[in-house]
Amino acid sequence: MVAIRSLTIGVFCCLLGCLHPGGSQFGTAQVPVTNPLLVASQNEELVWERAVDVLHDFQFEIARENRLGRVIETVPKVGSGLTEPWQHDSVGFDNRLESSLQSIRRIVLISLQPDDRGQGYLVSVEAQKEVEDLPGIAGNSPGAATFSESTPLIRDLNPVVGQSSPSRWIPLGRDLALEQAMLNRLRAVYSW
């Protein structure tokens, strides 16, 4: 009994460590970073590739890279919940709980603009958060298949499974916690 209790407490502590609000990989406290972040490097290729690497660290897929406009945009990523501690897009317990209870997705936009004084590049991160708005009740639950409201004598050999219309997404604004986590990671990789 004591072993089970100790194991449960150990697993709980490990999960809380994965859900640490800063998501620091270096074990240090997170200091707020200004957005945009000044990177003192004249090598545009290095700044660009490290920004892409950080997006991949947070497991975002690149949708569009515009080198002339100096913008990187990601594919919308569905937010990770409490049961997915290996995903890094939901920063902090509140965001993970929200993503567990409601369908949330995030889109990240990174912009790299040259500094006016010629000292390097200004790297800005914008993370937009959206919540799913279903047009009606989803008819693809197990209960709907088990307890049908239609007459059992009517047989449809080509049933439509899933939603009848596409989902709508309502903007919730910017996800400042994700932006700060990405800016902290960018600051760490640019200081190498």
N, C-alpha and C. Protein backbone atom coordinates (compact mmCIF):
# COMPACT_ATOMS: atom_id res chain seq x y z
N MET A 1 0.82 -1.19 0.00
CA MET A 1 0.00 0.00 0.00
C MET A 1 0.87 1.26 0.00
N VAL A 2 1.94 1.22 0.79
CA VAL A 2 2.85 2.36 0.84
C VAL A 2 3.57 2.53 -0.50
N ALA A 3 3.90 1.42 -1.14
CA ALA A 3 4.58 1.49 -2.44
C ALA A 3 3.68 2.11 -3.50
N ILE A 4 2.40 1.76 -3.49
CA ILE A 4 1.47 2.33 -4.47
C ILE A 4 1.30 3.82 -4.23
N ARG A 5 1.19 4.21 -2.96
CA ARG A 5 1.05 5.62 -2.63
C ARG A 5 2.30 6.40 -3.03
N SER A 6 3.47 5.84 -2.78
CA SER A 6 4.72 6.51 -3.16
C SER A 6 4.84 6.62 -4.68
N LEU A 7 4.46 5.58 -5.39
CA LEU A 7 4.50 5.61 -6.85
C LEU A 7 3.53 6.66 -7.39
N THR A 8 2.34 6.75 -6.82
CA THR A 8 1.35 7.74 -7.26
C THR A 8 1.87 9.15 -7.02
N ILE A 9 2.44 9.40 -5.87
CA ILE A 9 2.99 10.73 -5.57
C ILE A 9 4.15 11.05 -6.50
N GLY A 10 5.00 10.07 -6.79
CA GLY A 10 6.12 10.29 -7.70
C GLY A 10 5.67 10.62 -9.11
N VAL A 11 4.68 9.90 -9.61
CA VAL A 11 4.15 10.18 -10.95
C VAL A 11 3.51 11.56 -10.98
N PHE A 12 2.77 11.91 -9.95
CA PHE A 12 2.13 13.23 -9.88
C PHE A 12 3.18 14.34 -9.88
N CYS A 13 4.25 14.17 -9.12
CA CYS A 13 5.32 15.18 -9.09
C CYS A 13 6.02 15.30 -10.44
N CYS A 14 6.22 14.17 -11.12
CA CYS A 14 6.83 14.22 -12.45
C CYS A 14 5.95 14.96 -13.44
N LEU A 15 4.64 14.71 -13.38
CA LEU A 15 3.73 15.41 -14.27
C LEU A 15 3.69 16.90 -13.97
N LEU A 16 3.75 17.26 -12.71
CA LEU A 16 3.78 18.68 -12.37
C LEU A 16 5.06 19.33 -12.88
N GLY A 17 6.15 18.59 -12.87
CA GLY A 17 7.39 19.13 -13.42
C GLY A 17 7.29 19.38 -14.91
N CYS A 18 6.58 18.50 -15.62
CA CYS A 18 6.38 18.69 -17.06
C CYS A 18 5.44 19.85 -17.35
N LEU A 19 4.57 20.16 -16.41
CA LEU A 19 3.60 21.22 -16.61
C LEU A 19 4.09 22.55 -16.05
N HIS A 20 5.36 22.65 -15.72
CA HIS A 20 5.91 23.89 -15.18
C HIS A 20 5.61 25.05 -16.12
N PRO A 21 5.07 26.18 -15.61
CA PRO A 21 4.62 27.27 -16.48
C PRO A 21 5.67 27.78 -17.45
N GLY A 22 6.91 27.82 -17.07
CA GLY A 22 7.92 28.35 -17.98
C GLY A 22 8.37 27.35 -19.02
N GLY A 23 8.27 26.08 -18.69
CA GLY A 23 8.72 25.06 -19.61
C GLY A 23 10.23 25.13 -19.84
N SER A 24 10.96 25.58 -18.85
CA SER A 24 12.39 25.78 -19.01
C SER A 24 13.11 24.45 -19.17
N GLN A 25 13.98 24.38 -20.13
CA GLN A 25 14.77 23.18 -20.33
C GLN A 25 16.08 23.26 -19.57
N PHE A 26 16.37 24.41 -19.01
CA PHE A 26 17.65 24.60 -18.35
C PHE A 26 17.51 24.69 -16.83
N GLY A 27 16.28 24.60 -16.30
CA GLY A 27 16.08 24.60 -14.86
C GLY A 27 16.20 25.96 -14.21
N THR A 28 16.23 27.04 -14.97
CA THR A 28 16.33 28.37 -14.40
C THR A 28 14.98 29.06 -14.47
N ALA A 29 14.83 30.09 -13.65
CA ALA A 29 13.58 30.85 -13.65
C ALA A 29 13.46 31.64 -14.95
N GLN A 30 12.23 31.78 -15.42
CA GLN A 30 11.99 32.49 -16.67
C GLN A 30 11.86 33.98 -16.41
N VAL A 31 12.63 34.76 -17.13
CA VAL A 31 12.59 36.21 -17.05
C VAL A 31 11.81 36.72 -18.25
N PRO A 32 10.86 37.65 -18.05
CA PRO A 32 10.12 38.16 -19.21
C PRO A 32 11.05 38.77 -20.25
N VAL A 33 10.79 38.46 -21.51
CA VAL A 33 11.61 38.93 -22.62
C VAL A 33 10.78 39.92 -23.42
N THR A 34 11.43 40.99 -23.88
CA THR A 34 10.71 41.97 -24.69
C THR A 34 10.37 41.37 -26.05
N ASN A 35 9.24 41.76 -26.56
CA ASN A 35 8.79 41.30 -27.87
C ASN A 35 8.64 42.54 -28.74
N PRO A 36 9.48 42.79 -29.72
CA PRO A 36 10.45 41.90 -30.36
C PRO A 36 11.78 41.82 -29.61
N LEU A 37 12.46 40.72 -29.86
CA LEU A 37 13.76 40.43 -29.26
C LEU A 37 14.86 40.89 -30.21
N LEU A 38 15.80 41.66 -29.69
CA LEU A 38 16.93 42.12 -30.51
C LEU A 38 18.00 41.04 -30.54
N VAL A 39 18.34 40.58 -31.74
CA VAL A 39 19.38 39.57 -31.94
C VAL A 39 20.56 40.26 -32.60
N ALA A 40 21.68 40.29 -31.91
CA ALA A 40 22.86 40.99 -32.41
C ALA A 40 23.65 40.06 -33.34
N SER A 41 23.13 39.87 -34.54
CA SER A 41 23.80 39.05 -35.54
C SER A 41 23.49 39.63 -36.91
N GLN A 42 24.48 39.66 -37.77
CA GLN A 42 24.28 40.14 -39.13
C GLN A 42 23.98 38.99 -40.09
N ASN A 43 24.06 37.76 -39.59
CA ASN A 43 23.84 36.58 -40.42
C ASN A 43 22.34 36.25 -40.44
N GLU A 44 21.67 36.67 -41.51
CA GLU A 44 20.22 36.46 -41.61
C GLU A 44 19.87 34.98 -41.68
N GLU A 45 20.68 34.19 -42.36
CA GLU A 45 20.43 32.76 -42.49
C GLU A 45 20.45 32.07 -41.13
N LEU A 46 21.40 32.43 -40.28
CA LEU A 46 21.50 31.85 -38.94
C LEU A 46 20.28 32.22 -38.10
N VAL A 47 19.88 33.48 -38.13
CA VAL A 47 18.71 33.94 -37.37
C VAL A 47 17.46 33.21 -37.84
N TRP A 48 17.32 33.07 -39.15
CA TRP A 48 16.15 32.41 -39.73
C TRP A 48 16.09 30.94 -39.33
N GLU A 49 17.19 30.22 -39.50
CA GLU A 49 17.21 28.78 -39.23
C GLU A 49 16.99 28.48 -37.75
N ARG A 50 17.52 29.31 -36.88
CA ARG A 50 17.29 29.07 -35.45
C ARG A 50 15.84 29.35 -35.06
N ALA A 51 15.20 30.31 -35.72
CA ALA A 51 13.77 30.55 -35.47
C ALA A 51 12.94 29.34 -35.91
N VAL A 52 13.29 28.76 -37.05
CA VAL A 52 12.60 27.56 -37.52
C VAL A 52 12.85 26.40 -36.56
N ASP A 53 14.08 26.26 -36.05
CA ASP A 53 14.40 25.21 -35.09
C ASP A 53 13.56 25.33 -33.82
N VAL A 54 13.36 26.56 -33.35
CA VAL A 54 12.56 26.76 -32.14
C VAL A 54 11.10 26.39 -32.41
N LEU A 55 10.59 26.71 -33.57
CA LEU A 55 9.22 26.29 -33.92
C LEU A 55 9.12 24.77 -33.93
N HIS A 56 10.14 24.10 -34.43
CA HIS A 56 10.14 22.64 -34.42
C HIS A 56 10.29 22.09 -33.01
N ASP A 57 11.05 22.78 -32.14
CA ASP A 57 11.15 22.36 -30.74
C ASP A 57 9.78 22.37 -30.07
N PHE A 58 8.95 23.33 -30.42
CA PHE A 58 7.60 23.42 -29.88
C PHE A 58 6.61 22.59 -30.70
N GLN A 59 7.10 21.83 -31.64
CA GLN A 59 6.36 20.89 -32.48
C GLN A 59 5.29 21.56 -33.34
N PHE A 60 5.62 22.73 -33.86
CA PHE A 60 4.75 23.41 -34.82
C PHE A 60 5.23 23.08 -36.23
N GLU A 61 4.30 22.86 -37.12
CA GLU A 61 4.61 22.59 -38.52
C GLU A 61 4.56 23.91 -39.29
N ILE A 62 5.53 24.13 -40.15
CA ILE A 62 5.61 25.37 -40.91
C ILE A 62 4.60 25.33 -42.06
N ALA A 63 3.77 26.37 -42.15
CA ALA A 63 2.81 26.47 -43.25
C ALA A 63 3.38 27.31 -44.38
N ARG A 64 4.07 28.38 -44.00
CA ARG A 64 4.55 29.33 -45.02
C ARG A 64 5.82 30.00 -44.51
N GLU A 65 6.83 30.04 -45.37
CA GLU A 65 8.06 30.79 -45.10
C GLU A 65 8.23 31.80 -46.21
N ASN A 66 8.23 33.07 -45.86
CA ASN A 66 8.41 34.14 -46.84
C ASN A 66 9.71 34.87 -46.50
N ARG A 67 10.76 34.53 -47.20
CA ARG A 67 12.06 35.14 -46.89
C ARG A 67 12.13 36.60 -47.31
N LEU A 68 11.40 36.99 -48.36
CA LEU A 68 11.40 38.40 -48.75
C LEU A 68 10.67 39.25 -47.72
N GLY A 69 9.54 38.76 -47.23
CA GLY A 69 8.79 39.48 -46.20
C GLY A 69 9.30 39.20 -44.80
N ARG A 70 10.23 38.23 -44.68
CA ARG A 70 10.84 37.83 -43.42
C ARG A 70 9.79 37.39 -42.39
N VAL A 71 8.88 36.51 -42.83
CA VAL A 71 7.80 36.02 -41.98
C VAL A 71 7.73 34.50 -42.06
N ILE A 72 7.55 33.86 -40.91
CA ILE A 72 7.33 32.42 -40.82
C ILE A 72 5.97 32.22 -40.16
N GLU A 73 5.10 31.44 -40.80
CA GLU A 73 3.77 31.18 -40.26
C GLU A 73 3.59 29.68 -40.11
N THR A 74 2.92 29.25 -39.04
CA THR A 74 2.73 27.83 -38.79
C THR A 74 1.32 27.39 -39.16
N VAL A 75 1.19 26.08 -39.31
CA VAL A 75 -0.11 25.45 -39.49
C VAL A 75 -0.81 25.50 -38.13
N PRO A 76 -2.13 25.70 -38.09
CA PRO A 76 -2.82 25.67 -36.79
C PRO A 76 -2.59 24.33 -36.09
N LYS A 77 -2.20 24.40 -34.82
CA LYS A 77 -1.91 23.20 -34.03
C LYS A 77 -2.92 23.10 -32.90
N VAL A 78 -3.57 21.95 -32.79
CA VAL A 78 -4.54 21.74 -31.72
C VAL A 78 -3.80 21.69 -30.39
N GLY A 79 -4.33 22.41 -29.40
CA GLY A 79 -3.67 22.53 -28.10
C GLY A 79 -3.58 21.21 -27.36
N SER A 80 -2.46 21.02 -26.69
CA SER A 80 -2.25 19.79 -25.92
C SER A 80 -2.87 19.93 -24.54
N GLY A 81 -3.42 18.83 -24.06
CA GLY A 81 -4.09 18.83 -22.77
C GLY A 81 -3.20 18.30 -21.66
N LEU A 82 -3.83 18.01 -20.53
CA LEU A 82 -3.10 17.53 -19.36
C LEU A 82 -2.49 16.15 -19.58
N THR A 83 -3.07 15.37 -20.47
CA THR A 83 -2.56 14.01 -20.70
C THR A 83 -1.45 13.95 -21.74
N GLU A 84 -1.00 15.11 -22.23
CA GLU A 84 0.06 15.15 -23.24
C GLU A 84 1.22 16.03 -22.78
N PRO A 85 1.95 15.62 -21.75
CA PRO A 85 3.03 16.48 -21.24
C PRO A 85 4.21 16.61 -22.20
N TRP A 86 4.32 15.74 -23.20
CA TRP A 86 5.42 15.82 -24.16
C TRP A 86 5.20 16.91 -25.20
N GLN A 87 3.99 17.42 -25.34
CA GLN A 87 3.72 18.52 -26.26
C GLN A 87 4.03 19.84 -25.55
N HIS A 88 4.52 20.84 -26.28
CA HIS A 88 4.97 22.08 -25.65
C HIS A 88 4.17 23.30 -26.07
N ASP A 89 3.06 23.12 -26.79
CA ASP A 89 2.33 24.30 -27.27
C ASP A 89 1.43 24.92 -26.21
N SER A 90 0.97 24.16 -25.24
CA SER A 90 0.18 24.69 -24.14
C SER A 90 1.11 24.94 -22.97
N VAL A 91 1.37 26.21 -22.67
CA VAL A 91 2.32 26.57 -21.63
C VAL A 91 1.55 26.87 -20.35
N GLY A 92 1.86 26.16 -19.29
CA GLY A 92 1.22 26.39 -18.00
C GLY A 92 0.02 25.48 -17.78
N PHE A 93 -0.30 25.31 -16.51
CA PHE A 93 -1.40 24.43 -16.13
C PHE A 93 -2.74 24.94 -16.65
N ASP A 94 -2.97 26.25 -16.57
CA ASP A 94 -4.26 26.81 -17.00
C ASP A 94 -4.52 26.53 -18.48
N ASN A 95 -3.51 26.74 -19.32
CA ASN A 95 -3.68 26.49 -20.76
C ASN A 95 -3.88 25.00 -21.05
N ARG A 96 -3.18 24.14 -20.31
CA ARG A 96 -3.35 22.70 -20.52
C ARG A 96 -4.74 22.25 -20.09
N LEU A 97 -5.23 22.80 -18.98
CA LEU A 97 -6.57 22.45 -18.53
C LEU A 97 -7.62 22.94 -19.52
N GLU A 98 -7.45 24.16 -20.01
CA GLU A 98 -8.37 24.71 -21.00
C GLU A 98 -8.39 23.85 -22.27
N SER A 99 -7.21 23.42 -22.72
CA SER A 99 -7.13 22.59 -23.92
C SER A 99 -7.70 21.19 -23.69
N SER A 100 -7.72 20.74 -22.42
CA SER A 100 -8.32 19.45 -22.12
C SER A 100 -9.84 19.51 -22.16
N LEU A 101 -10.40 20.66 -21.79
CA LEU A 101 -11.85 20.80 -21.70
C LEU A 101 -12.50 21.37 -22.96
N GLN A 102 -11.73 22.04 -23.79
CA GLN A 102 -12.27 22.71 -24.97
C GLN A 102 -11.27 22.58 -26.11
N SER A 103 -11.76 22.47 -27.34
CA SER A 103 -10.86 22.40 -28.50
C SER A 103 -10.24 23.77 -28.74
N ILE A 104 -8.94 23.85 -28.56
CA ILE A 104 -8.17 25.09 -28.74
C ILE A 104 -7.12 24.82 -29.80
N ARG A 105 -6.84 25.81 -30.63
CA ARG A 105 -5.72 25.69 -31.56
C ARG A 105 -4.92 26.98 -31.54
N ARG A 106 -3.64 26.86 -31.92
CA ARG A 106 -2.74 28.00 -31.91
C ARG A 106 -2.03 28.12 -33.25
N ILE A 107 -1.83 29.37 -33.66
CA ILE A 107 -1.09 29.68 -34.88
C ILE A 107 0.01 30.65 -34.47
N VAL A 108 1.25 30.36 -34.86
CA VAL A 108 2.39 31.21 -34.49
C VAL A 108 2.92 31.90 -35.74
N LEU A 109 3.22 33.17 -35.58
CA LEU A 109 3.78 34.00 -36.65
C LEU A 109 5.06 34.62 -36.11
N ILE A 110 6.19 34.32 -36.75
CA ILE A 110 7.48 34.90 -36.36
C ILE A 110 7.93 35.84 -37.46
N SER A 111 8.30 37.04 -37.05
CA SER A 111 8.75 38.06 -38.00
C SER A 111 10.18 38.44 -37.66
N LEU A 112 11.04 38.51 -38.67
CA LEU A 112 12.45 38.89 -38.49
C LEU A 112 12.70 40.14 -39.32
N GLN A 113 12.84 41.27 -38.66
CA GLN A 113 13.05 42.54 -39.35
C GLN A 113 14.42 43.10 -38.98
N PRO A 114 15.14 43.69 -39.93
CA PRO A 114 16.44 44.28 -39.60
C PRO A 114 16.26 45.47 -38.65
N ASP A 115 17.20 45.59 -37.73
CA ASP A 115 17.18 46.70 -36.78
C ASP A 115 17.48 48.01 -37.51
N ASP A 116 16.84 49.10 -37.09
CA ASP A 116 17.03 50.41 -37.72
C ASP A 116 18.47 50.90 -37.61
N ARG A 117 19.14 50.53 -36.52
CA ARG A 117 20.52 50.99 -36.29
C ARG A 117 21.56 50.05 -36.88
N GLY A 118 21.12 48.98 -37.53
CA GLY A 118 22.05 48.06 -38.16
C GLY A 118 22.77 47.16 -37.18
N GLN A 119 22.19 46.94 -35.99
CA GLN A 119 22.85 46.11 -34.97
C GLN A 119 22.49 44.63 -35.07
N GLY A 120 21.51 44.30 -35.90
CA GLY A 120 21.09 42.91 -36.01
C GLY A 120 19.66 42.82 -36.49
N TYR A 121 18.89 41.92 -35.89
CA TYR A 121 17.51 41.68 -36.29
C TYR A 121 16.58 41.75 -35.09
N LEU A 122 15.36 42.23 -35.33
CA LEU A 122 14.30 42.22 -34.34
C LEU A 122 13.40 41.02 -34.64
N VAL A 123 13.37 40.07 -33.72
CA VAL A 123 12.58 38.86 -33.89
C VAL A 123 11.34 38.98 -33.02
N SER A 124 10.17 39.04 -33.67
CA SER A 124 8.92 39.14 -32.91
C SER A 124 8.13 37.85 -33.07
N VAL A 125 7.46 37.46 -31.99
CA VAL A 125 6.65 36.25 -31.96
C VAL A 125 5.21 36.64 -31.65
N GLU A 126 4.28 36.16 -32.46
CA GLU A 126 2.86 36.40 -32.22
C GLU A 126 2.15 35.05 -32.27
N ALA A 127 1.57 34.65 -31.15
CA ALA A 127 0.84 33.38 -31.06
C ALA A 127 -0.64 33.68 -30.88
N GLN A 128 -1.43 33.31 -31.87
CA GLN A 128 -2.88 33.52 -31.82
C GLN A 128 -3.55 32.24 -31.32
N LYS A 129 -4.53 32.42 -30.44
CA LYS A 129 -5.26 31.29 -29.87
C LYS A 129 -6.71 31.37 -30.33
N GLU A 130 -7.26 30.22 -30.74
CA GLU A 130 -8.64 30.16 -31.22
C GLU A 130 -9.37 29.00 -30.55
N VAL A 131 -10.67 29.17 -30.35
CA VAL A 131 -11.51 28.12 -29.76
C VAL A 131 -12.49 27.63 -30.82
N GLU A 132 -12.75 26.33 -30.80
CA GLU A 132 -13.64 25.74 -31.81
C GLU A 132 -15.10 26.02 -31.48
N ASP A 133 -15.86 26.37 -32.50
CA ASP A 133 -17.30 26.62 -32.37
C ASP A 133 -18.01 25.68 -33.33
N LEU A 134 -18.52 24.59 -32.80
CA LEU A 134 -19.23 23.62 -33.64
C LEU A 134 -20.60 24.16 -34.00
N PRO A 135 -21.04 23.96 -35.25
CA PRO A 135 -22.34 24.47 -35.66
C PRO A 135 -23.52 23.77 -34.99
N GLY A 136 -23.31 22.61 -34.45
CA GLY A 136 -24.38 21.87 -33.78
C GLY A 136 -23.77 20.76 -32.94
N ILE A 137 -24.61 19.85 -32.52
CA ILE A 137 -24.13 18.73 -31.71
C ILE A 137 -23.41 17.75 -32.63
N ALA A 138 -22.25 17.32 -32.20
CA ALA A 138 -21.48 16.35 -32.99
C ALA A 138 -22.19 15.01 -32.91
N GLY A 139 -22.50 14.44 -34.06
CA GLY A 139 -23.24 13.18 -34.11
C GLY A 139 -22.35 11.97 -34.20
N ASN A 140 -21.09 12.09 -33.85
CA ASN A 140 -20.18 10.96 -33.99
C ASN A 140 -19.77 10.39 -32.63
N SER A 141 -20.64 10.51 -31.63
CA SER A 141 -20.33 9.94 -30.33
C SER A 141 -20.75 8.47 -30.30
N PRO A 142 -20.17 7.66 -29.43
CA PRO A 142 -20.54 6.25 -29.36
C PRO A 142 -22.01 6.06 -28.98
N GLY A 143 -22.54 6.96 -28.16
CA GLY A 143 -23.94 6.84 -27.75
C GLY A 143 -24.90 7.03 -28.90
N ALA A 144 -24.56 7.88 -29.85
CA ALA A 144 -25.43 8.12 -31.00
C ALA A 144 -25.54 6.87 -31.86
N ALA A 145 -24.48 6.10 -31.93
CA ALA A 145 -24.53 4.87 -32.72
C ALA A 145 -25.28 3.76 -31.98
N THR A 146 -25.19 3.75 -30.67
CA THR A 146 -25.83 2.72 -29.87
C THR A 146 -27.32 2.96 -29.71
N PHE A 147 -27.67 4.20 -29.36
CA PHE A 147 -29.07 4.55 -29.12
C PHE A 147 -29.54 5.49 -30.22
N SER A 148 -29.91 4.91 -31.31
CA SER A 148 -30.32 5.68 -32.47
C SER A 148 -31.72 6.25 -32.27
N GLU A 149 -31.94 7.47 -32.75
CA GLU A 149 -33.26 8.09 -32.67
C GLU A 149 -34.13 7.71 -33.87
N SER A 150 -33.55 7.16 -34.89
CA SER A 150 -34.30 6.78 -36.08
C SER A 150 -34.91 5.39 -35.91
N THR A 151 -35.82 5.08 -36.79
CA THR A 151 -36.48 3.79 -36.76
C THR A 151 -35.48 2.71 -37.17
N PRO A 152 -35.43 1.59 -36.45
CA PRO A 152 -34.45 0.56 -36.79
C PRO A 152 -34.70 -0.14 -38.13
N LEU A 153 -35.92 -0.01 -38.70
CA LEU A 153 -36.20 -0.69 -39.96
C LEU A 153 -35.63 0.05 -41.16
N ILE A 154 -35.33 1.33 -41.01
CA ILE A 154 -34.76 2.10 -42.10
C ILE A 154 -33.25 1.85 -42.11
N ARG A 155 -32.77 1.35 -43.23
CA ARG A 155 -31.35 1.04 -43.31
C ARG A 155 -30.69 1.95 -44.33
N ASP A 156 -29.67 2.62 -43.89
CA ASP A 156 -28.90 3.49 -44.78
C ASP A 156 -27.54 2.83 -44.97
N LEU A 157 -27.27 2.37 -46.16
CA LEU A 157 -26.01 1.68 -46.41
C LEU A 157 -24.86 2.64 -46.65
N ASN A 158 -25.13 3.92 -46.80
CA ASN A 158 -24.10 4.93 -46.98
C ASN A 158 -24.25 6.03 -45.92
N PRO A 159 -23.98 5.69 -44.66
CA PRO A 159 -24.16 6.71 -43.62
C PRO A 159 -23.07 7.78 -43.69
N VAL A 160 -23.44 8.98 -43.32
CA VAL A 160 -22.48 10.07 -43.23
C VAL A 160 -21.98 10.11 -41.79
N VAL A 161 -20.69 9.88 -41.62
CA VAL A 161 -20.10 9.86 -40.29
C VAL A 161 -19.32 11.15 -40.09
N GLY A 162 -19.49 11.75 -38.92
CA GLY A 162 -18.75 12.97 -38.61
C GLY A 162 -19.63 14.19 -38.69
N GLN A 163 -19.00 15.33 -38.74
CA GLN A 163 -19.73 16.60 -38.76
C GLN A 163 -20.32 16.85 -40.14
N SER A 164 -21.48 17.51 -40.15
CA SER A 164 -22.12 17.80 -41.42
C SER A 164 -21.55 19.06 -42.07
N SER A 165 -20.95 19.93 -41.28
CA SER A 165 -20.33 21.14 -41.82
C SER A 165 -19.01 21.38 -41.12
N PRO A 166 -18.10 22.13 -41.73
CA PRO A 166 -16.79 22.34 -41.11
C PRO A 166 -16.89 23.18 -39.83
N SER A 167 -15.89 23.01 -38.98
CA SER A 167 -15.84 23.76 -37.73
C SER A 167 -15.54 25.23 -37.99
N ARG A 168 -16.02 26.05 -37.10
CA ARG A 168 -15.66 27.47 -37.11
C ARG A 168 -14.75 27.70 -35.92
N TRP A 169 -13.85 28.65 -36.05
CA TRP A 169 -12.91 28.96 -34.98
C TRP A 169 -13.07 30.41 -34.58
N ILE A 170 -13.23 30.64 -33.28
CA ILE A 170 -13.42 31.99 -32.74
C ILE A 170 -12.08 32.45 -32.16
N PRO A 171 -11.56 33.60 -32.59
CA PRO A 171 -10.29 34.09 -32.05
C PRO A 171 -10.42 34.46 -30.57
N LEU A 172 -9.44 34.03 -29.78
CA LEU A 172 -9.38 34.37 -28.36
C LEU A 172 -8.30 35.40 -28.07
N GLY A 173 -7.58 35.82 -29.08
CA GLY A 173 -6.50 36.79 -28.86
C GLY A 173 -5.15 36.10 -28.83
N ARG A 174 -4.19 36.81 -28.27
CA ARG A 174 -2.82 36.29 -28.24
C ARG A 174 -2.58 35.43 -27.02
N ASP A 175 -1.74 34.41 -27.21
CA ASP A 175 -1.33 33.53 -26.12
C ASP A 175 0.03 34.02 -25.62
N LEU A 176 -0.01 34.89 -24.62
CA LEU A 176 1.21 35.53 -24.13
C LEU A 176 2.16 34.54 -23.46
N ALA A 177 1.62 33.51 -22.82
CA ALA A 177 2.48 32.52 -22.17
C ALA A 177 3.31 31.76 -23.20
N LEU A 178 2.70 31.37 -24.31
CA LEU A 178 3.44 30.68 -25.38
C LEU A 178 4.45 31.62 -26.02
N GLU A 179 4.07 32.87 -26.22
CA GLU A 179 5.00 33.85 -26.80
C GLU A 179 6.23 34.01 -25.91
N GLN A 180 6.02 34.13 -24.60
CA GLN A 180 7.15 34.29 -23.69
C GLN A 180 8.03 33.04 -23.65
N ALA A 181 7.42 31.86 -23.67
CA ALA A 181 8.20 30.62 -23.69
C ALA A 181 9.05 30.54 -24.96
N MET A 182 8.48 30.92 -26.09
CA MET A 182 9.23 30.90 -27.35
C MET A 182 10.32 31.96 -27.36
N LEU A 183 10.03 33.14 -26.84
CA LEU A 183 11.04 34.20 -26.80
C LEU A 183 12.20 33.80 -25.88
N ASN A 184 11.90 33.16 -24.75
CA ASN A 184 12.96 32.68 -23.86
C ASN A 184 13.82 31.64 -24.56
N ARG A 185 13.19 30.75 -25.30
CA ARG A 185 13.94 29.72 -26.04
C ARG A 185 14.77 30.35 -27.16
N LEU A 186 14.19 31.34 -27.85
CA LEU A 186 14.93 32.05 -28.90
C LEU A 186 16.14 32.78 -28.31
N ARG A 187 15.94 33.43 -27.18
CA ARG A 187 17.06 34.13 -26.54
C ARG A 187 18.17 33.15 -26.18
N ALA A 188 17.78 31.96 -25.71
CA ALA A 188 18.78 30.95 -25.35
C ALA A 188 19.54 30.45 -26.57
N VAL A 189 18.85 30.19 -27.69
CA VAL A 189 19.56 29.66 -28.86
C VAL A 189 20.38 30.74 -29.57
N TYR A 190 19.97 32.00 -29.48
CA TYR A 190 20.74 33.06 -30.12
C TYR A 190 21.96 33.46 -29.30
N SER A 191 22.01 33.06 -28.03
CA SER A 191 23.16 33.43 -27.21
C SER A 191 24.28 32.40 -27.28
N TRP A 192 24.11 31.34 -28.08
CA TRP A 192 25.16 30.32 -28.21
C TRP A 192 26.35 30.87 -28.91
